[in-house]
C-alpha atoms as a PDB file:
ATOM      1  CA  UNK A   1       6.524  -8.311  -0.096  1.00  0.00           C
ATOM      2  CA  UNK A   2       6.538  -4.935  -0.891  1.00  0.00           C
ATOM      3  CA  UNK A   3       9.266  -2.220   0.296  1.00  0.00           C
ATOM      4  CA  UNK A   4       8.709   0.399   2.001  1.00  0.00           C
ATOM      5  CA  UNK A   5       8.502   3.952   0.990  1.00  0.00           C
ATOM      6  CA  UNK A   6      11.232   6.924   1.466  1.00  0.00           C
ATOM      7  CA  UNK A   7       8.497   8.739   3.577  1.00  0.00           C
ATOM      8  CA  UNK A   8       6.923   5.484   5.548  1.00  0.00           C
ATOM      9  CA  UNK A   9      10.702   5.272   6.800  1.00  0.00           C
ATOM     10  CA  UNK A  10      11.276   8.732   7.560  1.00  0.00           C
ATOM     11  CA  UNK A  11       7.998   8.458   9.744  1.00  0.00           C
ATOM     12  CA  UNK A  12       9.538   5.395  11.179  1.00  0.00           C
ATOM     13  CA  UNK A  13      12.297   7.777  11.792  1.00  0.00           C
ATOM     14  CA  UNK A  14      11.444  10.757  12.970  1.00  0.00           C
ATOM     15  CA  UNK A  15       8.804   8.995  15.571  1.00  0.00           C
ATOM     16  CA  UNK A  16      11.905   7.021  17.029  1.00  0.00           C
ATOM     17  CA  UNK A  17      14.860   9.437  16.569  1.00  0.00           C
ATOM     18  CA  UNK A  18      17.630  10.300  19.487  1.00  0.00           C
ATOM     19  CA  UNK A  19      20.389  12.425  19.890  1.00  0.00           C
ATOM     20  CA  UNK A  20      23.665  12.163  18.103  1.00  0.00           C
ATOM     21  CA  UNK A  21      21.937  10.050  14.819  1.00  0.00           C
ATOM     22  CA  UNK A  22      22.796  12.696  12.983  1.00  0.00           C
ATOM     23  CA  UNK A  23      26.561  12.083  13.664  1.00  0.00           C
ATOM     24  CA  UNK A  24      25.896   8.226  13.546  1.00  0.00           C
ATOM     25  CA  UNK A  25      24.478   8.349   9.978  1.00  0.00           C
ATOM     26  CA  UNK A  26      27.505  10.404   8.887  1.00  0.00           C
ATOM     27  CA  UNK A  27      29.926   8.287   9.588  1.00  0.00           C
ATOM     28  CA  UNK A  28      28.261   4.953   8.310  1.00  0.00           C
ATOM     29  CA  UNK A  29      27.420   7.189   4.390  1.00  0.00           C
ATOM     30  CA  UNK A  30      29.939   9.933   4.641  1.00  0.00           C
ATOM     31  CA  UNK A  31      27.678  12.512   3.954  1.00  0.00           C
ATOM     32  CA  UNK A  32      27.513  15.973   5.365  1.00  0.00           C
ATOM     33  CA  UNK A  33      25.435  16.621   8.596  1.00  0.00           C
ATOM     34  CA  UNK A  34      23.844  19.270   7.169  1.00  0.00           C
ATOM     35  CA  UNK A  35      22.953  17.134   3.888  1.00  0.00           C
ATOM     36  CA  UNK A  36      21.466  14.478   5.686  1.00  0.00           C
ATOM     37  CA  UNK A  37      19.517  16.955   8.446  1.00  0.00           C
ATOM     38  CA  UNK A  38      17.943  18.156   5.365  1.00  0.00           C
ATOM     39  CA  UNK A  39      17.329  14.667   3.912  1.00  0.00           C
ATOM     40  CA  UNK A  40      15.542  13.427   7.502  1.00  0.00           C
ATOM     41  CA  UNK A  41      13.536  16.992   7.574  1.00  0.00           C
ATOM     42  CA  UNK A  42      12.299  16.108   3.588  1.00  0.00           C
ATOM     43  CA  UNK A  43      13.981  19.600   1.991  1.00  0.00           C
ATOM     44  CA  UNK A  44      16.167  16.700   0.009  1.00  0.00           C
ATOM     45  CA  UNK A  45      15.922  13.355  -0.852  1.00  0.00           C
ATOM     46  CA  UNK A  46      18.414  10.155  -0.248  1.00  0.00           C
ATOM     47  CA  UNK A  47      17.688   6.418  -0.630  1.00  0.00           C
ATOM     48  CA  UNK A  48      20.529   5.897   0.882  1.00  0.00           C
ATOM     49  CA  UNK A  49      19.987   8.070   4.057  1.00  0.00           C
ATOM     50  CA  UNK A  50      17.244   7.429   4.653  1.00  0.00           C
ATOM     51  CA  UNK A  51      17.655   3.629   4.951  1.00  0.00           C
ATOM     52  CA  UNK A  52      20.443   3.868   7.418  1.00  0.00           C
ATOM     53  CA  UNK A  53      18.364   6.320   9.297  1.00  0.00           C
ATOM     54  CA  UNK A  54      15.579   3.504   9.042  1.00  0.00           C
ATOM     55  CA  UNK A  55      17.898   1.090  10.394  1.00  0.00           C
ATOM     56  CA  UNK A  56      19.103   2.637  13.523  1.00  0.00           C
ATOM     57  CA  UNK A  57      15.553   3.180  14.368  1.00  0.00           C
ATOM     58  CA  UNK A  58      13.456   0.521  13.795  1.00  0.00           C
ATOM     59  CA  UNK A  59      14.073  -1.469  16.663  1.00  0.00           C
ATOM     60  CA  UNK A  60      13.356   1.158  19.115  1.00  0.00           C
ATOM     61  CA  UNK A  61      10.568   2.146  21.246  1.00  0.00           C
ATOM     62  CA  UNK A  62       8.315   5.039  19.953  1.00  0.00           C
ATOM     63  CA  UNK A  63       9.227   7.935  21.783  1.00  0.00           C
ATOM     64  CA  UNK A  64       5.899   8.558  23.164  1.00  0.00           C
ATOM     65  CA  UNK A  65       5.472   4.581  24.663  1.00  0.00           C
ATOM     66  CA  UNK A  66       9.709   5.649  26.059  1.00  0.00           C
ATOM     67  CA  UNK A  67       8.221   9.219  27.651  1.00  0.00           C
ATOM     68  CA  UNK A  68       5.257   7.757  29.184  1.00  0.00           C
ATOM     69  CA  UNK A  69       7.339   4.853  31.283  1.00  0.00           C
ATOM     70  CA  UNK A  70       8.877   8.139  32.897  1.00  0.00           C
ATOM     71  CA  UNK A  71      13.497   8.495  32.490  1.00  0.00           C
ATOM     72  CA  UNK A  72      14.943   6.347  34.578  1.00  0.00           C
ATOM     73  CA  UNK A  73      17.138   7.808  37.394  1.00  0.00           C
ATOM     74  CA  UNK A  74      20.005   9.925  36.589  1.00  0.00           C
ATOM     75  CA  UNK A  75      23.485   8.536  38.064  1.00  0.00           C
ATOM     76  CA  UNK A  76      25.035  11.553  40.306  1.00  0.00           C
END
């Protein structure tokens, strides 16, 4: 089985990212939020950050599918 490239991992992450992910990655890796943001935007390269981001997002639905179902009602 072949290892996924960082490009493909970032593509999966970016299709499934959510609010607060950068903070989660910061806690797990110890890197600053700015550096994590640069890596996720493709400006820098860091295998550890990309792998953690991929693991966080890989089990989620793609945002397009999620938006097509509509958002649940907010609690008041």
